[in-house]
Amino acid sequence: LWSFATLVWFEPKAEGGFSEQFAAAAASRGAEFSSRDLAMSTWALATLRAASPLRELSSRASKARPGLSLTGLAAKEVGGLAWGLGRLCTAGSTDTEQNLLDAIAEYVQKEIAGCATGTKLTAGFDCRGLAMLARGL
């Protein structure tokens, strides 16, 4: 799914076409996804403008893991998740899963605290990832 989105391979006019079926199949397995899979798939579905599968993915993933943690993900991945959920909201959806938003907020708070104390600066500063995260927020 990520590779299709990266290549911008999508048939938006072909309802029921391969790409739509592929997106729907990926979204239906959202409950099985790791946090990284969820972040990458959310970004991909938002990039492909597949609002219905994106809504299904966020719902399934949220219900499967109410205490979702994004610990261990790069800022770019969390940014992709935030951006994808933002695209869902701008598409008119108001039912974005609260625990996904809470997990993003917790991640951002930890990153800011790490930058403020200087602990993040020693491991390298991911400017591109932080830019992606800011864009998502």
Foldseek 3Di string as FASTA:
>chain_A
DLVCLVVVPADVVDVVDPVLVVLQVLLQCLLVDALLSLLSNLLSCLSNVVLVSNVSNQVNNCVNCVQHAPPPDFLQSLLSNLQSVVSNVVVPDPPRRVSNVVNSVVVVVVVVVCVVVVVVVVVPDDPVSNVSNVNSD
